[in-house]
C-alpha cells in the first residue's frame, strides 16, 4: 500500500457536468473555474441501433459549450451506453463484435468530436461481460488511433477493481493494461462500494480506494490514470436508496432527532433519522472524506482526478483544491 504524501506536480482536475443537473453543474464550473482544468459533459448516449443520441436539445448543448469555453476549461464530453436513460450493454456488445458496425461507430464518434471541436471524448461503456473483453479492447484501440489522427484525446471510464478478475463480469470485460495502452486516460470509478440497492454503507471507503489505486497503478502508468471521486451520497430506507447531495445531507444532519457521525474505518460521514415513521440511514461524502481520497491520488502520482459530479459537492472541497492549485476562488 502507498502511504499518503506530497508531490510537486498536482493531478489535472476534471469535473463531470451532467445533463440532468445541468444548471447546478454549470454554476459550479463558473464559481470554481480556477480549480478546474477540464470538464467531461455527460451529454451523449446511444440509440438502440448504436448511433449516438444527444441527451439534450442541440441548442442547449451549444449554449452550454459557449458558457464552458468562457470558463477556460477543456471539453472532453462523455458518450455513455445508455438508451432512453437505461444502461444498454447489448447495444455495445452487438457493435464491438461486428467489424463493419465497429468501424462505423468509430467514424461517428470521431465526427462528433471534430464537428464540435471538442478536445476529445470520454467513453463510458459499462456492464459488458468477460466474453467482450478482447473485442472491447480492440474497439478502444481503433477509436484511439482514429481520434489521435485528428489530434483528439480518448478517455475511457472503467469500473473499480483490485485484481484483474475484479468482482464480476463487468470488471473482467475491462482489461486495464490493454485499455491503458490505447487510451490517453483511464478514469477509474472509485465509488459505489455501497450503492442504491445494497445495504447502507460508505460509498468510497478510503481503504478501498487505496486498494483500487494500488492495483490500477500496477498495470497502467500512473500518469495515464484518473481517479474518479464521488461527491454525492445515498439515503437508504425500505431496502433501497435515493441519491442525495451534500447540502441536503448536511441539513438532515442538523435536523432534530438526527444522529450524525463519522466512521473511523472508512472515513465517511453518515447519519440516521426518522421521517413519517420510516427509519433512514444516509452515507455521503464531505470535504474531509473527499480530501482523503485526493491525497491518495497525490501519493500514487495519478495524472488526474475526476469529480463525479459537479453541483452535488460540499463547497468546502474547493478550499482544499484551491490551496493545492495555488488558485484563487
C-alpha atoms as a PDB file:
ATOM      1  CA  UNK A   1       0.000   0.000   0.000  1.00  0.00           C
ATOM      2  CA  UNK A   2       1.053   3.575  -0.635  1.00  0.00           C
ATOM      3  CA  UNK A   3       1.363   5.978   2.255  1.00  0.00           C
ATOM      4  CA  UNK A   4      -0.168   9.409   1.772  1.00  0.00           C
ATOM      5  CA  UNK A   5       2.430  12.025   0.996  1.00  0.00           C
ATOM      6  CA  UNK A   6       3.093  15.139  -1.040  1.00  0.00           C
ATOM      7  CA  UNK A   7       4.421  15.531  -4.556  1.00  0.00           C
ATOM      8  CA  UNK A   8       5.190  18.608  -6.550  1.00  0.00           C
ATOM      9  CA  UNK A   9       3.053  18.072  -9.662  1.00  0.00           C
ATOM     10  CA  UNK A  10      -0.657  18.194  -8.956  1.00  0.00           C
ATOM     11  CA  UNK A  11      -3.125  15.987 -10.834  1.00  0.00           C
ATOM     12  CA  UNK A  12      -5.262  17.536 -13.547  1.00  0.00           C
ATOM     13  CA  UNK A  13      -8.673  18.329 -12.039  1.00  0.00           C
ATOM     14  CA  UNK A  14     -11.660  17.250 -14.154  1.00  0.00           C
ATOM     15  CA  UNK A  15     -15.303  17.924 -13.328  1.00  0.00           C
ATOM     16  CA  UNK A  16     -18.281  15.968 -14.643  1.00  0.00           C
ATOM     17  CA  UNK A  17     -21.207  18.075 -15.888  1.00  0.00           C
ATOM     18  CA  UNK A  18     -24.468  16.100 -16.134  1.00  0.00           C
ATOM     19  CA  UNK A  19     -27.450  16.737 -18.365  1.00  0.00           C
ATOM     20  CA  UNK A  20     -29.992  16.032 -15.601  1.00  0.00           C
ATOM     21  CA  UNK A  21     -28.453  18.615 -13.286  1.00  0.00           C
ATOM     22  CA  UNK A  22     -27.084  20.941 -15.924  1.00  0.00           C
ATOM     23  CA  UNK A  23     -27.601  24.312 -14.274  1.00  0.00           C
ATOM     24  CA  UNK A  24     -26.124  23.270 -10.931  1.00  0.00           C
ATOM     25  CA  UNK A  25     -23.127  21.756 -12.732  1.00  0.00           C
ATOM     26  CA  UNK A  26     -22.568  24.873 -14.843  1.00  0.00           C
ATOM     27  CA  UNK A  27     -22.849  27.129 -11.812  1.00  0.00           C
ATOM     28  CA  UNK A  28     -20.187  25.055 -10.065  1.00  0.00           C
ATOM     29  CA  UNK A  29     -17.860  25.496 -13.050  1.00  0.00           C
ATOM     30  CA  UNK A  30     -18.490  29.255 -13.082  1.00  0.00           C
ATOM     31  CA  UNK A  31     -17.741  29.551  -9.373  1.00  0.00           C
ATOM     32  CA  UNK A  32     -14.663  27.341  -9.309  1.00  0.00           C
ATOM     33  CA  UNK A  33     -13.094  27.714 -12.729  1.00  0.00           C
ATOM     34  CA  UNK A  34      -9.740  28.464 -11.115  1.00  0.00           C
ATOM     35  CA  UNK A  35      -9.594  24.939  -9.689  1.00  0.00           C
ATOM     36  CA  UNK A  36     -10.788  23.069 -12.787  1.00  0.00           C
ATOM     37  CA  UNK A  37      -8.703  22.151 -15.821  1.00  0.00           C
ATOM     38  CA  UNK A  38     -11.215  20.108 -17.808  1.00  0.00           C
ATOM     39  CA  UNK A  39     -14.876  19.143 -17.796  1.00  0.00           C
ATOM     40  CA  UNK A  40     -16.489  15.984 -19.121  1.00  0.00           C
ATOM     41  CA  UNK A  41     -20.085  16.875 -20.014  1.00  0.00           C
ATOM     42  CA  UNK A  42     -22.246  13.743 -19.674  1.00  0.00           C
ATOM     43  CA  UNK A  43     -24.434  14.631 -22.662  1.00  0.00           C
ATOM     44  CA  UNK A  44     -24.485  11.692 -25.091  1.00  0.00           C
ATOM     45  CA  UNK A  45     -26.000   8.213 -25.070  1.00  0.00           C
ATOM     46  CA  UNK A  46     -26.737   5.615 -27.744  1.00  0.00           C
ATOM     47  CA  UNK A  47     -29.799   4.719 -29.749  1.00  0.00           C
ATOM     48  CA  UNK A  48     -30.880   1.087 -29.998  1.00  0.00           C
ATOM     49  CA  UNK A  49     -29.021   0.806 -33.329  1.00  0.00           C
ATOM     50  CA  UNK A  50     -25.796   2.035 -31.724  1.00  0.00           C
ATOM     51  CA  UNK A  51     -25.836   5.548 -33.152  1.00  0.00           C
ATOM     52  CA  UNK A  52     -25.039   8.465 -30.851  1.00  0.00           C
ATOM     53  CA  UNK A  53     -28.014  10.151 -29.219  1.00  0.00           C
ATOM     54  CA  UNK A  54     -27.742  13.585 -27.545  1.00  0.00           C
ATOM     55  CA  UNK A  55     -29.471  13.749 -24.163  1.00  0.00           C
ATOM     56  CA  UNK A  56     -30.191  17.460 -24.607  1.00  0.00           C
ATOM     57  CA  UNK A  57     -31.510  19.644 -27.398  1.00  0.00           C
ATOM     58  CA  UNK A  58     -28.758  20.823 -29.748  1.00  0.00           C
ATOM     59  CA  UNK A  59     -29.301  24.476 -28.854  1.00  0.00           C
ATOM     60  CA  UNK A  60     -28.973  23.650 -25.139  1.00  0.00           C
ATOM     61  CA  UNK A  61     -25.687  21.869 -25.778  1.00  0.00           C
ATOM     62  CA  UNK A  62     -24.443  24.753 -27.942  1.00  0.00           C
ATOM     63  CA  UNK A  63     -25.266  27.307 -25.238  1.00  0.00           C
ATOM     64  CA  UNK A  64     -23.589  25.186 -22.561  1.00  0.00           C
ATOM     65  CA  UNK A  65     -20.475  24.751 -24.714  1.00  0.00           C
ATOM     66  CA  UNK A  66     -20.164  28.525 -25.118  1.00  0.00           C
ATOM     67  CA  UNK A  67     -20.536  29.007 -21.363  1.00  0.00           C
ATOM     68  CA  UNK A  68     -17.996  26.316 -20.515  1.00  0.00           C
ATOM     69  CA  UNK A  69     -15.446  27.574 -23.000  1.00  0.00           C
ATOM     70  CA  UNK A  70     -15.786  31.047 -21.494  1.00  0.00           C
ATOM     71  CA  UNK A  71     -14.672  29.466 -18.208  1.00  0.00           C
ATOM     72  CA  UNK A  72     -11.397  28.428 -19.808  1.00  0.00           C
ATOM     73  CA  UNK A  73     -11.817  24.688 -19.258  1.00  0.00           C
ATOM     74  CA  UNK A  74     -11.070  21.991 -21.819  1.00  0.00           C
ATOM     75  CA  UNK A  75     -14.084  19.987 -23.024  1.00  0.00           C
ATOM     76  CA  UNK A  76     -13.957  16.183 -23.254  1.00  0.00           C
ATOM     77  CA  UNK A  77     -17.629  15.095 -23.401  1.00  0.00           C
ATOM     78  CA  UNK A  78     -18.750  11.646 -22.338  1.00  0.00           C
ATOM     79  CA  UNK A  79     -20.590   9.144 -24.524  1.00  0.00           C
ATOM     80  CA  UNK A  80     -22.293   6.501 -22.367  1.00  0.00           C
ATOM     81  CA  UNK A  81     -24.019   3.269 -23.355  1.00  0.00           C
ATOM     82  CA  UNK A  82     -27.378   4.431 -22.087  1.00  0.00           C
ATOM     83  CA  UNK A  83     -30.504   4.150 -24.209  1.00  0.00           C
ATOM     84  CA  UNK A  84     -33.598   6.055 -23.109  1.00  0.00           C
ATOM     85  CA  UNK A  85     -31.871   6.676 -19.769  1.00  0.00           C
ATOM     86  CA  UNK A  86     -31.088   2.997 -19.008  1.00  0.00           C
ATOM     87  CA  UNK A  87     -27.784   1.145 -19.321  1.00  0.00           C
ATOM     88  CA  UNK A  88     -27.763  -0.865 -22.554  1.00  0.00           C
ATOM     89  CA  UNK A  89     -24.735  -3.187 -22.727  1.00  0.00           C
ATOM     90  CA  UNK A  90     -26.283  -5.266 -25.506  1.00  0.00           C
ATOM     91  CA  UNK A  91     -26.143  -2.243 -27.843  1.00  0.00           C
ATOM     92  CA  UNK A  92     -22.379  -2.025 -27.385  1.00  0.00           C
ATOM     93  CA  UNK A  93     -21.899  -5.799 -27.400  1.00  0.00           C
ATOM     94  CA  UNK A  94     -23.531  -6.235 -30.793  1.00  0.00           C
ATOM     95  CA  UNK A  95     -21.469  -3.381 -32.217  1.00  0.00           C
ATOM     96  CA  UNK A  96     -17.982  -4.296 -30.981  1.00  0.00           C
ATOM     97  CA  UNK A  97     -18.223  -7.897 -32.240  1.00  0.00           C
ATOM     98  CA  UNK A  98     -19.124  -6.744 -35.772  1.00  0.00           C
ATOM     99  CA  UNK A  99     -16.103  -5.195 -37.553  1.00  0.00           C
ATOM    100  CA  UNK A 100     -18.253  -3.253 -40.022  1.00  0.00           C
ATOM    101  CA  UNK A 101     -20.503  -1.756 -37.341  1.00  0.00           C
ATOM    102  CA  UNK A 102     -17.485  -1.101 -35.122  1.00  0.00           C
ATOM    103  CA  UNK A 103     -15.779   0.860 -37.887  1.00  0.00           C
ATOM    104  CA  UNK A 104     -18.932   2.894 -38.497  1.00  0.00           C
ATOM    105  CA  UNK A 105     -19.254   3.678 -34.788  1.00  0.00           C
ATOM    106  CA  UNK A 106     -15.646   4.828 -34.614  1.00  0.00           C
ATOM    107  CA  UNK A 107     -16.257   7.155 -37.567  1.00  0.00           C
ATOM    108  CA  UNK A 108     -19.367   8.607 -35.911  1.00  0.00           C
ATOM    109  CA  UNK A 109     -17.542   9.277 -32.646  1.00  0.00           C
ATOM    110  CA  UNK A 110     -14.639  10.957 -34.432  1.00  0.00           C
ATOM    111  CA  UNK A 111     -17.124  13.117 -36.339  1.00  0.00           C
ATOM    112  CA  UNK A 112     -18.809  14.112 -33.068  1.00  0.00           C
ATOM    113  CA  UNK A 113     -15.513  15.269 -31.565  1.00  0.00           C
ATOM    114  CA  UNK A 114     -14.412  17.030 -34.744  1.00  0.00           C
ATOM    115  CA  UNK A 115     -17.671  18.790 -35.622  1.00  0.00           C
ATOM    116  CA  UNK A 116     -17.885  20.463 -32.209  1.00  0.00           C
ATOM    117  CA  UNK A 117     -14.114  20.959 -31.914  1.00  0.00           C
ATOM    118  CA  UNK A 118     -14.028  19.075 -28.616  1.00  0.00           C
ATOM    119  CA  UNK A 119     -10.608  18.194 -27.217  1.00  0.00           C
ATOM    120  CA  UNK A 120     -11.673  14.560 -27.401  1.00  0.00           C
ATOM    121  CA  UNK A 121     -14.192  12.146 -25.930  1.00  0.00           C
ATOM    122  CA  UNK A 122     -14.648  10.080 -22.795  1.00  0.00           C
ATOM    123  CA  UNK A 123     -16.121   6.636 -23.356  1.00  0.00           C
ATOM    124  CA  UNK A 124     -18.330   5.237 -20.567  1.00  0.00           C
ATOM    125  CA  UNK A 125     -19.463   1.833 -21.851  1.00  0.00           C
ATOM    126  CA  UNK A 126     -20.456  -0.162 -18.786  1.00  0.00           C
ATOM    127  CA  UNK A 127     -21.774  -3.590 -17.782  1.00  0.00           C
ATOM    128  CA  UNK A 128     -20.145  -5.656 -20.526  1.00  0.00           C
ATOM    129  CA  UNK A 129     -19.193  -9.313 -19.972  1.00  0.00           C
ATOM    130  CA  UNK A 130     -15.922 -11.207 -19.857  1.00  0.00           C
ATOM    131  CA  UNK A 131     -16.587 -12.558 -23.351  1.00  0.00           C
ATOM    132  CA  UNK A 132     -16.478  -8.964 -24.631  1.00  0.00           C
ATOM    133  CA  UNK A 133     -13.018  -8.233 -23.212  1.00  0.00           C
ATOM    134  CA  UNK A 134     -10.913  -8.669 -26.348  1.00  0.00           C
ATOM    135  CA  UNK A 135     -13.442  -7.031 -28.683  1.00  0.00           C
ATOM    136  CA  UNK A 136     -13.829  -4.048 -26.363  1.00  0.00           C
ATOM    137  CA  UNK A 137     -10.057  -3.588 -26.146  1.00  0.00           C
ATOM    138  CA  UNK A 138      -9.838  -3.776 -29.950  1.00  0.00           C
ATOM    139  CA  UNK A 139     -12.611  -1.203 -30.325  1.00  0.00           C
ATOM    140  CA  UNK A 140     -10.871   1.192 -27.924  1.00  0.00           C
ATOM    141  CA  UNK A 141      -7.577   0.755 -29.788  1.00  0.00           C
ATOM    142  CA  UNK A 142      -9.248   1.584 -33.110  1.00  0.00           C
ATOM    143  CA  UNK A 143     -11.090   4.573 -31.665  1.00  0.00           C
ATOM    144  CA  UNK A 144      -7.935   5.896 -30.009  1.00  0.00           C
ATOM    145  CA  UNK A 145      -5.992   5.657 -33.275  1.00  0.00           C
ATOM    146  CA  UNK A 146      -8.753   7.479 -35.156  1.00  0.00           C
ATOM    147  CA  UNK A 147      -9.081  10.250 -32.581  1.00  0.00           C
ATOM    148  CA  UNK A 148      -5.326  10.679 -32.293  1.00  0.00           C
ATOM    149  CA  UNK A 149      -5.246  11.097 -36.051  1.00  0.00           C
ATOM    150  CA  UNK A 150      -7.399  14.203 -35.539  1.00  0.00           C
ATOM    151  CA  UNK A 151      -5.296  15.391 -32.572  1.00  0.00           C
ATOM    152  CA  UNK A 152      -8.082  14.415 -30.168  1.00  0.00           C
ATOM    153  CA  UNK A 153      -7.779  12.559 -26.862  1.00  0.00           C
ATOM    154  CA  UNK A 154      -9.636   9.477 -25.669  1.00  0.00           C
ATOM    155  CA  UNK A 155     -10.526   8.819 -22.039  1.00  0.00           C
ATOM    156  CA  UNK A 156     -12.115   5.501 -21.045  1.00  0.00           C
ATOM    157  CA  UNK A 157     -14.169   5.083 -17.880  1.00  0.00           C
ATOM    158  CA  UNK A 158     -13.615   1.775 -16.072  1.00  0.00           C
ATOM    159  CA  UNK A 159     -15.208   0.010 -13.127  1.00  0.00           C
ATOM    160  CA  UNK A 160     -13.075  -0.040  -9.988  1.00  0.00           C
ATOM    161  CA  UNK A 161     -11.383  -3.322  -9.087  1.00  0.00           C
ATOM    162  CA  UNK A 162      -8.447  -4.558  -7.046  1.00  0.00           C
ATOM    163  CA  UNK A 163      -7.491  -7.559  -9.232  1.00  0.00           C
ATOM    164  CA  UNK A 164      -7.646  -8.375 -12.924  1.00  0.00           C
ATOM    165  CA  UNK A 165     -10.746 -10.533 -12.381  1.00  0.00           C
ATOM    166  CA  UNK A 166     -12.431  -7.972 -10.176  1.00  0.00           C
ATOM    167  CA  UNK A 167     -15.800  -8.575  -8.571  1.00  0.00           C
ATOM    168  CA  UNK A 168     -17.969  -9.624 -11.524  1.00  0.00           C
ATOM    169  CA  UNK A 169     -18.250  -9.894 -15.304  1.00  0.00           C
ATOM    170  CA  UNK A 170     -18.207  -6.148 -15.922  1.00  0.00           C
ATOM    171  CA  UNK A 171     -14.760  -5.976 -14.264  1.00  0.00           C
ATOM    172  CA  UNK A 172     -13.427  -8.846 -16.326  1.00  0.00           C
ATOM    173  CA  UNK A 173     -14.650  -7.137 -19.510  1.00  0.00           C
ATOM    174  CA  UNK A 174     -12.201  -4.288 -18.950  1.00  0.00           C
ATOM    175  CA  UNK A 175      -8.534  -5.110 -19.493  1.00  0.00           C
ATOM    176  CA  UNK A 176      -6.841  -2.223 -17.682  1.00  0.00           C
ATOM    177  CA  UNK A 177      -3.450  -2.852 -19.274  1.00  0.00           C
ATOM    178  CA  UNK A 178      -4.770  -3.011 -22.857  1.00  0.00           C
ATOM    179  CA  UNK A 179      -7.135  -0.072 -22.428  1.00  0.00           C
ATOM    180  CA  UNK A 180      -4.453   1.972 -20.705  1.00  0.00           C
ATOM    181  CA  UNK A 181      -2.065   1.311 -23.577  1.00  0.00           C
ATOM    182  CA  UNK A 182      -4.518   2.716 -26.133  1.00  0.00           C
ATOM    183  CA  UNK A 183      -6.346   5.495 -24.267  1.00  0.00           C
ATOM    184  CA  UNK A 184      -4.901   8.763 -23.026  1.00  0.00           C
ATOM    185  CA  UNK A 185      -6.547   8.251 -19.636  1.00  0.00           C
ATOM    186  CA  UNK A 186      -8.385   5.525 -17.759  1.00  0.00           C
ATOM    187  CA  UNK A 187     -10.931   7.056 -15.413  1.00  0.00           C
ATOM    188  CA  UNK A 188     -11.367   4.625 -12.505  1.00  0.00           C
ATOM    189  CA  UNK A 189     -14.809   4.962 -10.901  1.00  0.00           C
ATOM    190  CA  UNK A 190     -13.743   4.559  -7.275  1.00  0.00           C
ATOM    191  CA  UNK A 191     -17.226   4.875  -5.822  1.00  0.00           C
ATOM    192  CA  UNK A 192     -20.416   2.870  -5.245  1.00  0.00           C
ATOM    193  CA  UNK A 193     -18.742   0.383  -2.888  1.00  0.00           C
ATOM    194  CA  UNK A 194     -22.243   0.563  -1.463  1.00  0.00           C
ATOM    195  CA  UNK A 195     -24.960   1.526  -3.921  1.00  0.00           C
ATOM    196  CA  UNK A 196     -28.674   2.204  -4.252  1.00  0.00           C
ATOM    197  CA  UNK A 197     -29.747  -1.435  -3.877  1.00  0.00           C
ATOM    198  CA  UNK A 198     -27.113  -2.614  -1.401  1.00  0.00           C
ATOM    199  CA  UNK A 199     -27.194  -2.442   2.353  1.00  0.00           C
ATOM    200  CA  UNK A 200     -26.321   1.022   3.710  1.00  0.00           C
ATOM    201  CA  UNK A 201     -22.653   1.851   3.991  1.00  0.00           C
ATOM    202  CA  UNK A 202     -19.824   4.096   2.768  1.00  0.00           C
ATOM    203  CA  UNK A 203     -19.770   4.856  -0.947  1.00  0.00           C
ATOM    204  CA  UNK A 204     -15.992   5.020  -1.275  1.00  0.00           C
ATOM    205  CA  UNK A 205     -14.132   3.969   1.887  1.00  0.00           C
ATOM    206  CA  UNK A 206     -10.605   5.335   1.855  1.00  0.00           C
ATOM    207  CA  UNK A 207      -9.042   1.916   2.481  1.00  0.00           C
ATOM    208  CA  UNK A 208     -10.806   0.526  -0.602  1.00  0.00           C
ATOM    209  CA  UNK A 209      -9.785   3.459  -2.806  1.00  0.00           C
ATOM    210  CA  UNK A 210      -6.216   2.805  -1.649  1.00  0.00           C
ATOM    211  CA  UNK A 211      -6.535  -0.838  -2.772  1.00  0.00           C
ATOM    212  CA  UNK A 212      -8.072   0.217  -6.109  1.00  0.00           C
ATOM    213  CA  UNK A 213      -5.188   2.601  -6.806  1.00  0.00           C
ATOM    214  CA  UNK A 214      -2.639   0.028  -5.709  1.00  0.00           C
ATOM    215  CA  UNK A 215      -3.886  -2.377  -8.384  1.00  0.00           C
ATOM    216  CA  UNK A 216      -4.515   0.208 -11.108  1.00  0.00           C
ATOM    217  CA  UNK A 217      -1.028   1.701 -10.848  1.00  0.00           C
ATOM    218  CA  UNK A 218       0.493  -1.789 -11.041  1.00  0.00           C
ATOM    219  CA  UNK A 219      -0.828  -2.308 -14.595  1.00  0.00           C
ATOM    220  CA  UNK A 220      -1.242   1.227 -16.002  1.00  0.00           C
ATOM    221  CA  UNK A 221       1.297   4.079 -15.821  1.00  0.00           C
ATOM    222  CA  UNK A 222       0.024   6.384 -13.040  1.00  0.00           C
ATOM    223  CA  UNK A 223       0.156   9.452 -15.262  1.00  0.00           C
ATOM    224  CA  UNK A 224      -2.458   7.831 -17.539  1.00  0.00           C
ATOM    225  CA  UNK A 225      -4.901   7.249 -14.683  1.00  0.00           C
ATOM    226  CA  UNK A 226      -7.656   9.498 -13.389  1.00  0.00           C
ATOM    227  CA  UNK A 227      -9.165   8.726 -10.002  1.00  0.00           C
ATOM    228  CA  UNK A 228     -12.941   9.076 -10.151  1.00  0.00           C
ATOM    229  CA  UNK A 229     -14.109  10.662  -6.870  1.00  0.00           C
ATOM    230  CA  UNK A 230     -17.781  10.647  -5.900  1.00  0.00           C
ATOM    231  CA  UNK A 231     -19.198  13.850  -4.402  1.00  0.00           C
ATOM    232  CA  UNK A 232     -22.690  12.562  -3.573  1.00  0.00           C
ATOM    233  CA  UNK A 233     -24.421  10.303  -1.093  1.00  0.00           C
ATOM    234  CA  UNK A 234     -27.293   7.841  -0.673  1.00  0.00           C
ATOM    235  CA  UNK A 235     -30.304   7.953   1.633  1.00  0.00           C
ATOM    236  CA  UNK A 236     -31.460   4.387   2.362  1.00  0.00           C
ATOM    237  CA  UNK A 237     -34.939   3.415   3.505  1.00  0.00           C
ATOM    238  CA  UNK A 238     -37.115   0.408   2.785  1.00  0.00           C
ATOM    239  CA  UNK A 239     -34.286  -1.622   1.280  1.00  0.00           C
ATOM    240  CA  UNK A 240     -33.097   0.853  -1.350  1.00  0.00           C
ATOM    241  CA  UNK A 241     -31.662   4.337  -1.618  1.00  0.00           C
ATOM    242  CA  UNK A 242     -32.026   7.604  -3.461  1.00  0.00           C
ATOM    243  CA  UNK A 243     -29.192   9.910  -4.499  1.00  0.00           C
ATOM    244  CA  UNK A 244     -28.563  12.795  -2.160  1.00  0.00           C
ATOM    245  CA  UNK A 245     -26.445  15.929  -2.489  1.00  0.00           C
ATOM    246  CA  UNK A 246     -24.091  17.093   0.242  1.00  0.00           C
ATOM    247  CA  UNK A 247     -26.255  20.127   1.015  1.00  0.00           C
ATOM    248  CA  UNK A 248     -29.311  18.001   1.774  1.00  0.00           C
ATOM    249  CA  UNK A 249     -27.256  15.569   3.860  1.00  0.00           C
ATOM    250  CA  UNK A 250     -25.770  18.467   5.814  1.00  0.00           C
ATOM    251  CA  UNK A 251     -29.245  19.858   6.505  1.00  0.00           C
ATOM    252  CA  UNK A 252     -30.507  16.453   7.625  1.00  0.00           C
ATOM    253  CA  UNK A 253     -27.520  16.042   9.955  1.00  0.00           C
ATOM    254  CA  UNK A 254     -28.556  19.133  11.931  1.00  0.00           C
ATOM    255  CA  UNK A 255     -32.288  18.361  11.984  1.00  0.00           C
ATOM    256  CA  UNK A 256     -33.946  17.497  15.322  1.00  0.00           C
ATOM    257  CA  UNK A 257     -33.640  13.791  16.110  1.00  0.00           C
ATOM    258  CA  UNK A 258     -30.859  13.077  13.596  1.00  0.00           C
ATOM    259  CA  UNK A 259     -27.782  11.179  14.800  1.00  0.00           C
ATOM    260  CA  UNK A 260     -24.747  12.082  12.671  1.00  0.00           C
ATOM    261  CA  UNK A 261     -21.300  10.541  12.914  1.00  0.00           C
ATOM    262  CA  UNK A 262     -18.131   9.613  11.054  1.00  0.00           C
ATOM    263  CA  UNK A 263     -16.980   6.047  10.522  1.00  0.00           C
ATOM    264  CA  UNK A 264     -13.345   5.770  11.680  1.00  0.00           C
ATOM    265  CA  UNK A 265     -12.613   2.861   9.320  1.00  0.00           C
ATOM    266  CA  UNK A 266     -13.900   4.293   6.026  1.00  0.00           C
ATOM    267  CA  UNK A 267     -13.520   7.982   6.898  1.00  0.00           C
ATOM    268  CA  UNK A 268     -17.066   8.613   5.631  1.00  0.00           C
ATOM    269  CA  UNK A 269     -19.735  10.710   7.357  1.00  0.00           C
ATOM    270  CA  UNK A 270     -23.165   9.195   7.987  1.00  0.00           C
ATOM    271  CA  UNK A 271     -26.405   9.992   9.771  1.00  0.00           C
ATOM    272  CA  UNK A 272     -29.602   8.296  10.814  1.00  0.00           C
ATOM    273  CA  UNK A 273     -33.005   9.907  11.080  1.00  0.00           C
ATOM    274  CA  UNK A 274     -36.679   9.021  11.105  1.00  0.00           C
ATOM    275  CA  UNK A 275     -39.317  10.619   8.866  1.00  0.00           C
ATOM    276  CA  UNK A 276     -43.009   9.767   8.557  1.00  0.00           C
ATOM    277  CA  UNK A 277     -42.469   6.685  10.692  1.00  0.00           C
ATOM    278  CA  UNK A 278     -39.664   5.340   8.447  1.00  0.00           C
ATOM    279  CA  UNK A 279     -36.041   4.887   9.518  1.00  0.00           C
ATOM    280  CA  UNK A 280     -33.409   6.328   7.187  1.00  0.00           C
ATOM    281  CA  UNK A 281     -29.642   5.837   7.002  1.00  0.00           C
ATOM    282  CA  UNK A 282     -27.502   8.254   4.974  1.00  0.00           C
ATOM    283  CA  UNK A 283     -23.893   7.845   3.904  1.00  0.00           C
ATOM    284  CA  UNK A 284     -22.277  10.627   1.899  1.00  0.00           C
ATOM    285  CA  UNK A 285     -19.046  12.455   1.067  1.00  0.00           C
ATOM    286  CA  UNK A 286     -17.901  15.739   2.612  1.00  0.00           C
ATOM    287  CA  UNK A 287     -14.795  17.864   2.243  1.00  0.00           C
ATOM    288  CA  UNK A 288     -12.808  15.757   4.716  1.00  0.00           C
ATOM    289  CA  UNK A 289     -13.624  12.381   3.148  1.00  0.00           C
ATOM    290  CA  UNK A 290     -13.027  13.730  -0.372  1.00  0.00           C
ATOM    291  CA  UNK A 291      -9.745  15.359   0.623  1.00  0.00           C
ATOM    292  CA  UNK A 292      -8.505  11.996   1.933  1.00  0.00           C
ATOM    293  CA  UNK A 293      -9.050  10.453  -1.498  1.00  0.00           C
ATOM    294  CA  UNK A 294      -7.453  13.380  -3.306  1.00  0.00           C
ATOM    295  CA  UNK A 295      -4.402  12.947  -1.092  1.00  0.00           C
ATOM    296  CA  UNK A 296      -4.266   9.294  -2.141  1.00  0.00           C
ATOM    297  CA  UNK A 297      -4.303  10.416  -5.781  1.00  0.00           C
ATOM    298  CA  UNK A 298      -1.321  12.630  -4.996  1.00  0.00           C
ATOM    299  CA  UNK A 299       0.500   9.822  -3.214  1.00  0.00           C
ATOM    300  CA  UNK A 300       0.097   7.386  -6.104  1.00  0.00           C
ATOM    301  CA  UNK A 301       1.097  10.032  -8.647  1.00  0.00           C
ATOM    302  CA  UNK A 302      -2.016   9.670 -10.804  1.00  0.00           C
ATOM    303  CA  UNK A 303      -2.335  12.102 -13.671  1.00  0.00           C
ATOM    304  CA  UNK A 304      -5.837  13.365 -12.895  1.00  0.00           C
ATOM    305  CA  UNK A 305      -8.838  13.260 -10.623  1.00  0.00           C
ATOM    306  CA  UNK A 306     -12.383  13.382 -11.969  1.00  0.00           C
ATOM    307  CA  UNK A 307     -15.084  14.770  -9.680  1.00  0.00           C
ATOM    308  CA  UNK A 308     -18.426  12.991 -10.080  1.00  0.00           C
ATOM    309  CA  UNK A 309     -20.466  15.143 -10.227  1.00  0.00           C
ATOM    310  CA  UNK A 310     -20.360  18.942 -10.117  1.00  0.00           C
ATOM    311  CA  UNK A 311     -23.278  20.561  -8.340  1.00  0.00           C
ATOM    312  CA  UNK A 312     -23.529  17.821  -5.685  1.00  0.00           C
ATOM    313  CA  UNK A 313     -20.363  18.678  -3.754  1.00  0.00           C
ATOM    314  CA  UNK A 314     -19.522  20.024  -0.331  1.00  0.00           C
ATOM    315  CA  UNK A 315     -18.305  23.573  -1.123  1.00  0.00           C
ATOM    316  CA  UNK A 316     -15.509  23.064   1.404  1.00  0.00           C
ATOM    317  CA  UNK A 317     -13.849  20.844  -1.213  1.00  0.00           C
ATOM    318  CA  UNK A 318     -12.877  23.876  -3.244  1.00  0.00           C
ATOM    319  CA  UNK A 319     -10.812  25.377  -0.454  1.00  0.00           C
ATOM    320  CA  UNK A 320      -8.696  22.220  -0.448  1.00  0.00           C
ATOM    321  CA  UNK A 321      -8.300  22.252  -4.228  1.00  0.00           C
ATOM    322  CA  UNK A 322      -7.582  25.977  -4.275  1.00  0.00           C
ATOM    323  CA  UNK A 323      -4.822  25.559  -1.684  1.00  0.00           C
ATOM    324  CA  UNK A 324      -3.308  22.710  -3.707  1.00  0.00           C
ATOM    325  CA  UNK A 325      -3.524  24.533  -7.007  1.00  0.00           C
ATOM    326  CA  UNK A 326      -2.466  27.956  -5.787  1.00  0.00           C
ATOM    327  CA  UNK A 327      -5.637  29.282  -7.430  1.00  0.00           C
ATOM    328  CA  UNK A 328      -7.934  31.979  -6.164  1.00  0.00           C
ATOM    329  CA  UNK A 329     -11.602  31.080  -5.992  1.00  0.00           C
END
